[in-house]
Amino acid sequence: MKDRFSLYIYVNLICLAVALFLISPPSHRAFSQAISDRQEKIQLDVPYEPSSEEVVGAMLRIANVGKNDLVYDLGCGDGRIVIGAAQKAGARGVGVDLDPQRIRESQENALKARVTDRVQFFQQDLFQTEIGNATVIMLYLWPEVNLKLRPKLFHELKPGTRVVSHSHDMGSWEPDQNMTTSDGHRVYLWVIPTNVTGTWEWEMPREKERYLLKLSQQFQKVSGTFQSGSGQVPVKNVELRGDRLEIVVERFSRGQMQSLRFTGRVQHNLIEGTAQVITRGSQKQRTWTAKRIPSSMNFRIYE
């Protein structure tokens, strides 16, 4: 009898719960579901940890941020980096963060700093953010997030764009520069390199000799060979920074050592710049234009 009564109570409670759900307003159920969905969607890649003012200053200095820059902070927190860029350098800035609380703080801080005309903040996924217009990218993420972001940086950013990271590197992509702040924090700088791989050819003015330059590349590291006539020598002291290329070649010519220094700007399949020819007691400078054989270009330089 007692078991039958308990079963009776249990069945009635179940029926009551179902009835309450069915008669509850649809808007209330939708609102509850929206809250649940929203909470589920905001999965932060990195927990919030603000950079100190000293680190912020170091990041701005190592990138040499100026008034003509557009600074993107991917994972902007309370907005202090782009606000600092606007205040100290007159730059424009865009901050992106998934956390709505951080975006509210950023907007409030920009208002207090009186830079709302120069900075914007958006609540969105950094991996879905269009960054092609940036001249400087600021990061304070985890190492694995940096590595996940790396292909996007190479794919979307223009050569010469500066990338700065607080604390964490980019794996096999070595930094162009790094520094340590007085409180022991590491700051890294990379400059997005253009692709210089392949075979480049040219003739110097007033010379009939044809020159060939064959280059290979991984990230900003470049190596190759220089050929004139039947002679071939390795290139030395190659420096690639953004779209600026400098190469030094040493060879024997007419019985004496000759140093050739080529400096130019790379624009897709064209390099335009100057060539210095240095021998003992003599130095000449000429214009230099080299053209790449398009089919010789290697697109797998960022792996």
C-alpha atoms as a PDB file:
ATOM      1  CA  MET A   1       0.000   0.000   0.000  1.00  0.00           C
ATOM      2  CA  LYS A   2       2.790   2.323   0.955  1.00  0.00           C
ATOM      3  CA  ASP A   3       4.623   1.594  -2.338  1.00  0.00           C
ATOM      4  CA  ARG A   4       1.447   2.228  -4.332  1.00  0.00           C
ATOM      5  CA  PHE A   5       0.985   5.611  -2.621  1.00  0.00           C
ATOM      6  CA  SER A   6       4.625   6.587  -3.340  1.00  0.00           C
ATOM      7  CA  LEU A   7       4.162   5.677  -6.987  1.00  0.00           C
ATOM      8  CA  TYR A   8       1.008   7.794  -7.106  1.00  0.00           C
ATOM      9  CA  ILE A   9       2.888  10.845  -5.722  1.00  0.00           C
ATOM     10  CA  TYR A  10       5.802  10.359  -8.145  1.00  0.00           C
ATOM     11  CA  VAL A  11       3.542  10.141 -11.230  1.00  0.00           C
ATOM     12  CA  ASN A  12       1.658  13.282 -10.198  1.00  0.00           C
ATOM     13  CA  LEU A  13       4.896  15.239  -9.724  1.00  0.00           C
ATOM     14  CA  ILE A  14       6.069  14.253 -13.182  1.00  0.00           C
ATOM     15  CA  CYS A  15       2.750  15.342 -14.704  1.00  0.00           C
ATOM     16  CA  LEU A  16       2.924  18.663 -12.869  1.00  0.00           C
ATOM     17  CA  ALA A  17       6.465  19.350 -14.149  1.00  0.00           C
ATOM     18  CA  VAL A  18       5.431  18.614 -17.742  1.00  0.00           C
ATOM     19  CA  ALA A  19       2.369  20.844 -17.410  1.00  0.00           C
ATOM     20  CA  LEU A  20       4.418  23.728 -16.033  1.00  0.00           C
ATOM     21  CA  PHE A  21       6.880  23.459 -18.927  1.00  0.00           C
ATOM     22  CA  LEU A  22       4.072  23.423 -21.498  1.00  0.00           C
ATOM     23  CA  ILE A  23       2.282  26.466 -20.073  1.00  0.00           C
ATOM     24  CA  SER A  24       5.450  28.520 -19.497  1.00  0.00           C
ATOM     25  CA  PRO A  25       5.780  31.432 -21.971  1.00  0.00           C
ATOM     26  CA  PRO A  26       7.772  30.530 -25.098  1.00  0.00           C
ATOM     27  CA  SER A  27       9.759  33.769 -24.735  1.00  0.00           C
ATOM     28  CA  HIS A  28      10.971  32.662 -21.310  1.00  0.00           C
ATOM     29  CA  ARG A  29      12.122  29.296 -22.642  1.00  0.00           C
ATOM     30  CA  ALA A  30      13.830  30.978 -25.613  1.00  0.00           C
ATOM     31  CA  PHE A  31      15.552  33.495 -23.315  1.00  0.00           C
ATOM     32  CA  SER A  32      16.852  30.708 -21.083  1.00  0.00           C
ATOM     33  CA  GLN A  33      18.103  28.806 -24.130  1.00  0.00           C
ATOM     34  CA  ALA A  34      19.751  31.961 -25.506  1.00  0.00           C
ATOM     35  CA  ILE A  35      21.634  32.455 -22.250  1.00  0.00           C
ATOM     36  CA  SER A  36      22.748  28.832 -22.298  1.00  0.00           C
ATOM     37  CA  ASP A  37      23.835  29.064 -25.945  1.00  0.00           C
ATOM     38  CA  ARG A  38      25.657  32.323 -25.314  1.00  0.00           C
ATOM     39  CA  GLN A  39      27.569  30.924 -22.394  1.00  0.00           C
ATOM     40  CA  GLU A  40      28.478  27.886 -24.434  1.00  0.00           C
ATOM     41  CA  LYS A  41      29.724  29.978 -27.368  1.00  0.00           C
ATOM     42  CA  ILE A  42      32.129  32.168 -25.378  1.00  0.00           C
ATOM     43  CA  GLN A  43      35.052  29.804 -25.026  1.00  0.00           C
ATOM     44  CA  LEU A  44      38.106  32.001 -24.574  1.00  0.00           C
ATOM     45  CA  ASP A  45      41.323  30.863 -26.282  1.00  0.00           C
ATOM     46  CA  VAL A  46      43.381  32.565 -23.573  1.00  0.00           C
ATOM     47  CA  PRO A  47      42.369  33.741 -20.072  1.00  0.00           C
ATOM     48  CA  TYR A  48      42.621  37.464 -19.417  1.00  0.00           C
ATOM     49  CA  GLU A  49      46.010  38.568 -18.124  1.00  0.00           C
ATOM     50  CA  PRO A  50      46.872  42.235 -18.778  1.00  0.00           C
ATOM     51  CA  SER A  51      50.342  43.334 -19.848  1.00  0.00           C
ATOM     52  CA  SER A  52      52.065  45.781 -17.525  1.00  0.00           C
ATOM     53  CA  GLU A  53      52.523  49.399 -18.591  1.00  0.00           C
ATOM     54  CA  GLU A  54      56.245  48.725 -19.006  1.00  0.00           C
ATOM     55  CA  VAL A  55      55.553  45.824 -21.376  1.00  0.00           C
ATOM     56  CA  VAL A  56      53.012  47.890 -23.329  1.00  0.00           C
ATOM     57  CA  GLY A  57      55.637  50.615 -23.785  1.00  0.00           C
ATOM     58  CA  ALA A  58      58.207  48.051 -24.904  1.00  0.00           C
ATOM     59  CA  MET A  59      55.797  46.558 -27.459  1.00  0.00           C
ATOM     60  CA  LEU A  60      55.110  49.990 -28.939  1.00  0.00           C
ATOM     61  CA  ARG A  61      58.823  50.832 -29.086  1.00  0.00           C
ATOM     62  CA  ILE A  62      60.017  47.582 -30.639  1.00  0.00           C
ATOM     63  CA  ALA A  63      57.406  47.987 -33.399  1.00  0.00           C
ATOM     64  CA  ASN A  64      58.351  51.652 -33.810  1.00  0.00           C
ATOM     65  CA  VAL A  65      54.657  52.591 -33.842  1.00  0.00           C
ATOM     66  CA  GLY A  66      53.980  55.984 -35.433  1.00  0.00           C
ATOM     67  CA  LYS A  67      51.101  58.249 -36.335  1.00  0.00           C
ATOM     68  CA  ASN A  68      50.565  56.574 -39.712  1.00  0.00           C
ATOM     69  CA  ASP A  69      50.144  53.087 -38.242  1.00  0.00           C
ATOM     70  CA  LEU A  70      46.983  51.050 -37.838  1.00  0.00           C
ATOM     71  CA  VAL A  71      47.533  48.822 -34.804  1.00  0.00           C
ATOM     72  CA  TYR A  72      45.442  45.667 -34.292  1.00  0.00           C
ATOM     73  CA  ASP A  73      45.451  43.982 -30.878  1.00  0.00           C
ATOM     74  CA  LEU A  74      44.114  40.432 -31.190  1.00  0.00           C
ATOM     75  CA  GLY A  75      42.875  39.581 -27.722  1.00  0.00           C
ATOM     76  CA  CYS A  76      42.856  43.196 -26.580  1.00  0.00           C
ATOM     77  CA  GLY A  77      41.699  42.737 -22.965  1.00  0.00           C
ATOM     78  CA  ASP A  78      40.968  46.170 -21.497  1.00  0.00           C
ATOM     79  CA  GLY A  79      42.303  47.931 -24.609  1.00  0.00           C
ATOM     80  CA  ARG A  80      45.458  49.315 -23.065  1.00  0.00           C
ATOM     81  CA  ILE A  81      47.760  48.581 -26.031  1.00  0.00           C
ATOM     82  CA  VAL A  82      45.734  50.283 -28.778  1.00  0.00           C
ATOM     83  CA  ILE A  83      44.829  53.111 -26.391  1.00  0.00           C
ATOM     84  CA  GLY A  84      48.534  53.525 -25.626  1.00  0.00           C
ATOM     85  CA  ALA A  85      49.337  53.540 -29.352  1.00  0.00           C
ATOM     86  CA  ALA A  86      46.796  56.318 -29.887  1.00  0.00           C
ATOM     87  CA  GLN A  87      47.926  58.370 -26.882  1.00  0.00           C
ATOM     88  CA  LYS A  88      51.701  58.028 -27.250  1.00  0.00           C
ATOM     89  CA  ALA A  89      52.129  57.779 -31.026  1.00  0.00           C
ATOM     90  CA  GLY A  90      48.948  59.211 -32.523  1.00  0.00           C
ATOM     91  CA  ALA A  91      48.262  55.875 -34.240  1.00  0.00           C
ATOM     92  CA  ARG A  92      44.856  54.416 -35.002  1.00  0.00           C
ATOM     93  CA  GLY A  93      43.898  51.165 -33.359  1.00  0.00           C
ATOM     94  CA  VAL A  94      41.480  48.235 -33.444  1.00  0.00           C
ATOM     95  CA  GLY A  95      40.987  45.901 -30.490  1.00  0.00           C
ATOM     96  CA  VAL A  96      39.334  42.483 -30.760  1.00  0.00           C
ATOM     97  CA  ASP A  97      38.251  40.239 -27.901  1.00  0.00           C
ATOM     98  CA  LEU A  98      35.675  37.479 -27.386  1.00  0.00           C
ATOM     99  CA  ASP A  99      34.842  38.581 -23.846  1.00  0.00           C
ATOM    100  CA  PRO A 100      32.059  41.226 -23.779  1.00  0.00           C
ATOM    101  CA  GLN A 101      33.230  42.461 -20.381  1.00  0.00           C
ATOM    102  CA  ARG A 102      36.670  43.246 -21.791  1.00  0.00           C
ATOM    103  CA  ILE A 103      35.126  45.131 -24.701  1.00  0.00           C
ATOM    104  CA  ARG A 104      33.031  47.251 -22.319  1.00  0.00           C
ATOM    105  CA  GLU A 105      36.138  48.020 -20.279  1.00  0.00           C
ATOM    106  CA  SER A 106      38.069  48.926 -23.441  1.00  0.00           C
ATOM    107  CA  GLN A 107      35.379  51.346 -24.578  1.00  0.00           C
ATOM    108  CA  GLU A 108      35.210  52.958 -21.142  1.00  0.00           C
ATOM    109  CA  ASN A 109      38.993  53.291 -20.997  1.00  0.00           C
ATOM    110  CA  ALA A 110      39.116  54.832 -24.478  1.00  0.00           C
ATOM    111  CA  LEU A 111      36.504  57.362 -23.394  1.00  0.00           C
ATOM    112  CA  LYS A 112      38.537  58.276 -20.292  1.00  0.00           C
ATOM    113  CA  ALA A 113      41.686  58.596 -22.410  1.00  0.00           C
ATOM    114  CA  ARG A 114      39.833  60.747 -24.981  1.00  0.00           C
ATOM    115  CA  VAL A 115      40.922  58.637 -27.945  1.00  0.00           C
ATOM    116  CA  THR A 116      37.531  57.323 -29.101  1.00  0.00           C
ATOM    117  CA  ASP A 117      38.106  59.068 -32.439  1.00  0.00           C
ATOM    118  CA  ARG A 118      41.182  56.906 -33.057  1.00  0.00           C
ATOM    119  CA  VAL A 119      40.333  53.468 -31.650  1.00  0.00           C
ATOM    120  CA  GLN A 120      37.587  50.882 -32.114  1.00  0.00           C
ATOM    121  CA  PHE A 121      36.766  47.687 -30.247  1.00  0.00           C
ATOM    122  CA  PHE A 122      34.876  44.628 -31.466  1.00  0.00           C
ATOM    123  CA  GLN A 123      33.635  41.539 -29.685  1.00  0.00           C
ATOM    124  CA  GLN A 124      34.578  38.796 -32.119  1.00  0.00           C
ATOM    125  CA  ASP A 125      36.820  35.821 -32.739  1.00  0.00           C
ATOM    126  CA  LEU A 126      40.356  36.885 -33.632  1.00  0.00           C
ATOM    127  CA  PHE A 127      40.561  34.035 -36.165  1.00  0.00           C
ATOM    128  CA  GLN A 128      37.527  35.465 -37.976  1.00  0.00           C
ATOM    129  CA  THR A 129      38.823  39.042 -37.934  1.00  0.00           C
ATOM    130  CA  GLU A 130      39.991  40.634 -41.186  1.00  0.00           C
ATOM    131  CA  ILE A 131      43.468  41.997 -40.492  1.00  0.00           C
ATOM    132  CA  GLY A 132      44.743  42.858 -43.979  1.00  0.00           C
ATOM    133  CA  ASN A 133      44.743  46.634 -43.356  1.00  0.00           C
ATOM    134  CA  ALA A 134      46.903  46.428 -40.231  1.00  0.00           C
ATOM    135  CA  THR A 135      50.458  47.762 -40.252  1.00  0.00           C
ATOM    136  CA  VAL A 136      51.142  46.422 -36.741  1.00  0.00           C
ATOM    137  CA  ILE A 137      49.716  43.327 -35.001  1.00  0.00           C
ATOM    138  CA  MET A 138      49.939  43.012 -31.193  1.00  0.00           C
ATOM    139  CA  LEU A 139      49.597  39.644 -29.426  1.00  0.00           C
ATOM    140  CA  TYR A 140      49.592  38.297 -25.893  1.00  0.00           C
ATOM    141  CA  LEU A 141      48.346  34.759 -26.459  1.00  0.00           C
ATOM    142  CA  TRP A 142      49.464  31.247 -25.613  1.00  0.00           C
ATOM    143  CA  PRO A 143      52.198  29.496 -27.681  1.00  0.00           C
ATOM    144  CA  GLU A 144      49.763  27.080 -29.332  1.00  0.00           C
ATOM    145  CA  VAL A 145      47.429  29.941 -30.265  1.00  0.00           C
ATOM    146  CA  ASN A 146      50.347  31.851 -31.816  1.00  0.00           C
ATOM    147  CA  LEU A 147      51.159  28.811 -33.958  1.00  0.00           C
ATOM    148  CA  LYS A 148      47.534  28.392 -34.978  1.00  0.00           C
ATOM    149  CA  LEU A 149      47.395  32.073 -35.932  1.00  0.00           C
ATOM    150  CA  ARG A 150      50.664  32.052 -37.914  1.00  0.00           C
ATOM    151  CA  PRO A 151      49.243  30.934 -41.306  1.00  0.00           C
ATOM    152  CA  LYS A 152      46.594  33.670 -41.107  1.00  0.00           C
ATOM    153  CA  LEU A 153      49.276  36.298 -40.533  1.00  0.00           C
ATOM    154  CA  PHE A 154      51.237  35.220 -43.614  1.00  0.00           C
ATOM    155  CA  HIS A 155      48.124  34.874 -45.755  1.00  0.00           C
ATOM    156  CA  GLU A 156      46.460  38.209 -44.920  1.00  0.00           C
ATOM    157  CA  LEU A 157      49.179  40.683 -43.919  1.00  0.00           C
ATOM    158  CA  LYS A 158      51.170  42.753 -46.382  1.00  0.00           C
ATOM    159  CA  PRO A 159      54.975  42.392 -46.509  1.00  0.00           C
ATOM    160  CA  GLY A 160      56.510  44.812 -44.031  1.00  0.00           C
ATOM    161  CA  THR A 161      53.724  44.478 -41.464  1.00  0.00           C
ATOM    162  CA  ARG A 162      55.171  44.213 -37.944  1.00  0.00           C
ATOM    163  CA  VAL A 163      54.004  41.488 -35.563  1.00  0.00           C
ATOM    164  CA  VAL A 164      54.752  41.831 -31.844  1.00  0.00           C
ATOM    165  CA  SER A 165      54.189  39.172 -29.186  1.00  0.00           C
ATOM    166  CA  HIS A 166      54.477  39.436 -25.429  1.00  0.00           C
ATOM    167  CA  SER A 167      56.174  36.385 -23.831  1.00  0.00           C
ATOM    168  CA  HIS A 168      55.612  33.783 -26.561  1.00  0.00           C
ATOM    169  CA  ASP A 169      57.408  33.110 -29.849  1.00  0.00           C
ATOM    170  CA  MET A 170      56.254  31.676 -33.185  1.00  0.00           C
ATOM    171  CA  GLY A 171      57.969  28.305 -33.122  1.00  0.00           C
ATOM    172  CA  SER A 172      60.296  27.799 -36.090  1.00  0.00           C
ATOM    173  CA  TRP A 173      59.683  31.353 -37.339  1.00  0.00           C
ATOM    174  CA  GLU A 174      62.566  33.146 -35.648  1.00  0.00           C
ATOM    175  CA  PRO A 175      62.010  36.752 -34.557  1.00  0.00           C
ATOM    176  CA  ASP A 176      63.726  39.621 -36.343  1.00  0.00           C
ATOM    177  CA  GLN A 177      64.287  41.245 -32.971  1.00  0.00           C
ATOM    178  CA  ASN A 178      63.586  40.567 -29.300  1.00  0.00           C
ATOM    179  CA  MET A 179      64.113  42.304 -25.986  1.00  0.00           C
ATOM    180  CA  THR A 180      63.655  41.729 -22.264  1.00  0.00           C
ATOM    181  CA  THR A 181      61.980  44.335 -20.073  1.00  0.00           C
ATOM    182  CA  SER A 182      63.392  45.279 -16.667  1.00  0.00           C
ATOM    183  CA  ASP A 183      60.761  43.093 -14.994  1.00  0.00           C
ATOM    184  CA  GLY A 184      61.872  40.035 -16.988  1.00  0.00           C
ATOM    185  CA  HIS A 185      59.208  39.874 -19.720  1.00  0.00           C
ATOM    186  CA  ARG A 186      60.201  38.911 -23.265  1.00  0.00           C
ATOM    187  CA  VAL A 187      58.921  40.881 -26.237  1.00  0.00           C
ATOM    188  CA  TYR A 188      59.354  39.572 -29.809  1.00  0.00           C
ATOM    189  CA  LEU A 189      59.161  41.323 -33.182  1.00  0.00           C
ATOM    190  CA  TRP A 190      58.683  39.796 -36.635  1.00  0.00           C
ATOM    191  CA  VAL A 191      58.344  41.567 -39.973  1.00  0.00           C
ATOM    192  CA  ILE A 192      56.195  39.802 -42.568  1.00  0.00           C
ATOM    193  CA  PRO A 193      58.604  38.898 -45.424  1.00  0.00           C
ATOM    194  CA  THR A 194      57.791  38.976 -49.090  1.00  0.00           C
ATOM    195  CA  ASN A 195      58.482  35.934 -51.266  1.00  0.00           C
ATOM    196  CA  VAL A 196      61.807  36.235 -53.124  1.00  0.00           C
ATOM    197  CA  THR A 197      62.232  32.595 -54.157  1.00  0.00           C
ATOM    198  CA  GLY A 198      63.058  31.607 -57.699  1.00  0.00           C
ATOM    199  CA  THR A 199      65.363  32.722 -60.475  1.00  0.00           C
ATOM    200  CA  TRP A 200      65.977  36.424 -61.087  1.00  0.00           C
ATOM    201  CA  GLU A 201      67.762  37.722 -64.186  1.00  0.00           C
ATOM    202  CA  TRP A 202      69.086  41.065 -65.404  1.00  0.00           C
ATOM    203  CA  GLU A 203      71.779  42.883 -67.353  1.00  0.00           C
ATOM    204  CA  MET A 204      73.676  45.846 -65.945  1.00  0.00           C
ATOM    205  CA  PRO A 205      73.604  49.121 -67.920  1.00  0.00           C
ATOM    206  CA  ARG A 206      76.407  49.384 -70.484  1.00  0.00           C
ATOM    207  CA  GLU A 207      77.251  45.705 -69.990  1.00  0.00           C
ATOM    208  CA  LYS A 208      76.382  42.768 -72.191  1.00  0.00           C
ATOM    209  CA  GLU A 209      76.812  40.199 -69.456  1.00  0.00           C
ATOM    210  CA  ARG A 210      73.661  38.441 -68.198  1.00  0.00           C
ATOM    211  CA  TYR A 211      73.283  37.789 -64.471  1.00  0.00           C
ATOM    212  CA  LEU A 212      71.262  35.121 -62.715  1.00  0.00           C
ATOM    213  CA  LEU A 213      70.299  35.041 -59.045  1.00  0.00           C
ATOM    214  CA  LYS A 214      68.710  31.856 -57.690  1.00  0.00           C
ATOM    215  CA  LEU A 215      67.144  32.205 -54.246  1.00  0.00           C
ATOM    216  CA  SER A 216      65.533  29.833 -51.764  1.00  0.00           C
ATOM    217  CA  GLN A 217      63.753  30.960 -48.604  1.00  0.00           C
ATOM    218  CA  GLN A 218      62.197  29.856 -45.331  1.00  0.00           C
ATOM    219  CA  PHE A 219      60.334  32.647 -43.580  1.00  0.00           C
ATOM    220  CA  GLN A 220      62.748  35.644 -43.728  1.00  0.00           C
ATOM    221  CA  LYS A 221      65.872  33.479 -44.105  1.00  0.00           C
ATOM    222  CA  VAL A 222      67.237  33.574 -47.671  1.00  0.00           C
ATOM    223  CA  SER A 223      70.114  31.770 -49.381  1.00  0.00           C
ATOM    224  CA  GLY A 224      71.147  31.255 -52.979  1.00  0.00           C
ATOM    225  CA  THR A 225      73.687  31.522 -55.761  1.00  0.00           C
ATOM    226  CA  PHE A 226      74.827  34.266 -58.117  1.00  0.00           C
ATOM    227  CA  GLN A 227      75.879  33.469 -61.678  1.00  0.00           C
ATOM    228  CA  SER A 228      77.597  35.598 -64.291  1.00  0.00           C
ATOM    229  CA  GLY A 229      78.800  33.879 -67.438  1.00  0.00           C
ATOM    230  CA  SER A 230      80.024  30.417 -66.482  1.00  0.00           C
ATOM    231  CA  GLY A 231      81.004  31.392 -62.933  1.00  0.00           C
ATOM    232  CA  GLN A 232      78.739  30.707 -59.962  1.00  0.00           C
ATOM    233  CA  VAL A 233      79.266  31.778 -56.338  1.00  0.00           C
ATOM    234  CA  PRO A 234      77.098  31.657 -53.192  1.00  0.00           C
ATOM    235  CA  VAL A 235      75.447  34.891 -52.096  1.00  0.00           C
ATOM    236  CA  LYS A 236      76.553  36.316 -48.740  1.00  0.00           C
ATOM    237  CA  ASN A 237      75.025  38.535 -46.077  1.00  0.00           C
ATOM    238  CA  VAL A 238      71.467  38.260 -47.364  1.00  0.00           C
ATOM    239  CA  GLU A 239      68.965  40.429 -45.497  1.00  0.00           C
ATOM    240  CA  LEU A 240      65.226  40.425 -46.170  1.00  0.00           C
ATOM    241  CA  ARG A 241      63.036  42.763 -44.157  1.00  0.00           C
ATOM    242  CA  GLY A 242      59.498  43.057 -45.434  1.00  0.00           C
ATOM    243  CA  ASP A 243      59.830  43.872 -49.133  1.00  0.00           C
ATOM    244  CA  ARG A 244      63.412  45.195 -48.844  1.00  0.00           C
ATOM    245  CA  LEU A 245      66.180  42.876 -50.032  1.00  0.00           C
ATOM    246  CA  GLU A 246      69.948  43.314 -49.706  1.00  0.00           C
ATOM    247  CA  ILE A 247      72.477  40.818 -51.062  1.00  0.00           C
ATOM    248  CA  VAL A 248      76.284  40.853 -51.100  1.00  0.00           C
ATOM    249  CA  VAL A 249      78.267  38.802 -53.622  1.00  0.00           C
ATOM    250  CA  GLU A 250      82.047  38.469 -53.796  1.00  0.00           C
ATOM    251  CA  ARG A 251      83.800  37.240 -56.938  1.00  0.00           C
ATOM    252  CA  PHE A 252      87.024  37.448 -58.914  1.00  0.00           C
ATOM    253  CA  SER A 253      86.700  39.676 -61.957  1.00  0.00           C
ATOM    254  CA  ARG A 254      89.544  40.740 -64.245  1.00  0.00           C
ATOM    255  CA  GLY A 255      92.139  39.407 -61.861  1.00  0.00           C
ATOM    256  CA  GLN A 256      90.928  41.106 -58.695  1.00  0.00           C
ATOM    257  CA  MET A 257      88.376  40.596 -55.944  1.00  0.00           C
ATOM    258  CA  GLN A 258      85.124  42.410 -56.595  1.00  0.00           C
ATOM    259  CA  SER A 259      82.274  42.982 -54.155  1.00  0.00           C
ATOM    260  CA  LEU A 260      78.740  43.468 -55.470  1.00  0.00           C
ATOM    261  CA  ARG A 261      76.052  44.868 -53.193  1.00  0.00           C
ATOM    262  CA  PHE A 262      72.467  44.743 -54.479  1.00  0.00           C
ATOM    263  CA  THR A 263      69.745  46.627 -52.610  1.00  0.00           C
ATOM    264  CA  GLY A 264      66.168  46.922 -53.781  1.00  0.00           C
ATOM    265  CA  ARG A 265      62.454  46.747 -53.195  1.00  0.00           C
ATOM    266  CA  VAL A 266      60.610  43.612 -54.270  1.00  0.00           C
ATOM    267  CA  GLN A 267      57.305  44.086 -56.062  1.00  0.00           C
ATOM    268  CA  HIS A 268      56.024  40.640 -56.995  1.00  0.00           C
ATOM    269  CA  ASN A 269      58.184  39.606 -60.002  1.00  0.00           C
ATOM    270  CA  LEU A 270      60.312  42.774 -60.078  1.00  0.00           C
ATOM    271  CA  ILE A 271      63.156  44.139 -57.950  1.00  0.00           C
ATOM    272  CA  GLU A 272      64.139  47.767 -58.399  1.00  0.00           C
ATOM    273  CA  GLY A 273      67.046  49.408 -56.614  1.00  0.00           C
ATOM    274  CA  THR A 274      70.774  49.989 -56.847  1.00  0.00           C
ATOM    275  CA  ALA A 275      73.891  47.902 -57.412  1.00  0.00           C
ATOM    276  CA  GLN A 276      77.248  48.896 -55.972  1.00  0.00           C
ATOM    277  CA  VAL A 277      80.399  47.532 -57.580  1.00  0.00           C
ATOM    278  CA  ILE A 278      83.349  47.777 -55.199  1.00  0.00           C
ATOM    279  CA  THR A 279      86.949  46.965 -56.141  1.00  0.00           C
ATOM    280  CA  ARG A 280      90.249  48.103 -54.682  1.00  0.00           C
ATOM    281  CA  GLY A 281      90.312  51.874 -54.910  1.00  0.00           C
ATOM    282  CA  SER A 282      87.070  52.065 -56.893  1.00  0.00           C
ATOM    283  CA  GLN A 283      83.354  52.162 -56.154  1.00  0.00           C
ATOM    284  CA  LYS A 284      80.560  52.568 -58.685  1.00  0.00           C
ATOM    285  CA  GLN A 285      76.797  52.678 -58.165  1.00  0.00           C
ATOM    286  CA  ARG A 286      74.233  51.866 -60.832  1.00  0.00           C
ATOM    287  CA  THR A 287      70.525  51.343 -61.057  1.00  0.00           C
ATOM    288  CA  TRP A 288      69.430  47.729 -60.735  1.00  0.00           C
ATOM    289  CA  THR A 289      66.308  46.058 -62.094  1.00  0.00           C
ATOM    290  CA  ALA A 290      65.835  42.298 -61.891  1.00  0.00           C
ATOM    291  CA  LYS A 291      62.942  40.216 -63.180  1.00  0.00           C
ATOM    292  CA  ARG A 292      61.832  36.869 -61.790  1.00  0.00           C
ATOM    293  CA  ILE A 293      60.947  33.931 -63.989  1.00  0.00           C
ATOM    294  CA  PRO A 294      57.382  33.397 -62.661  1.00  0.00           C
ATOM    295  CA  SER A 295      57.411  29.607 -62.954  1.00  0.00           C
ATOM    296  CA  SER A 296      60.474  29.401 -60.688  1.00  0.00           C
ATOM    297  CA  MET A 297      58.678  30.813 -57.632  1.00  0.00           C
ATOM    298  CA  ASN A 298      58.186  28.523 -54.614  1.00  0.00           C
ATOM    299  CA  PHE A 299      55.058  29.206 -52.549  1.00  0.00           C
ATOM    300  CA  ARG A 300      55.922  26.938 -49.598  1.00  0.00           C
ATOM    301  CA  ILE A 301      58.198  29.291 -47.670  1.00  0.00           C
ATOM    302  CA  TYR A 302      56.152  29.666 -44.473  1.00  0.00           C
ATOM    303  CA  GLU A 303      56.249  26.069 -43.258  1.00  0.00           C
END
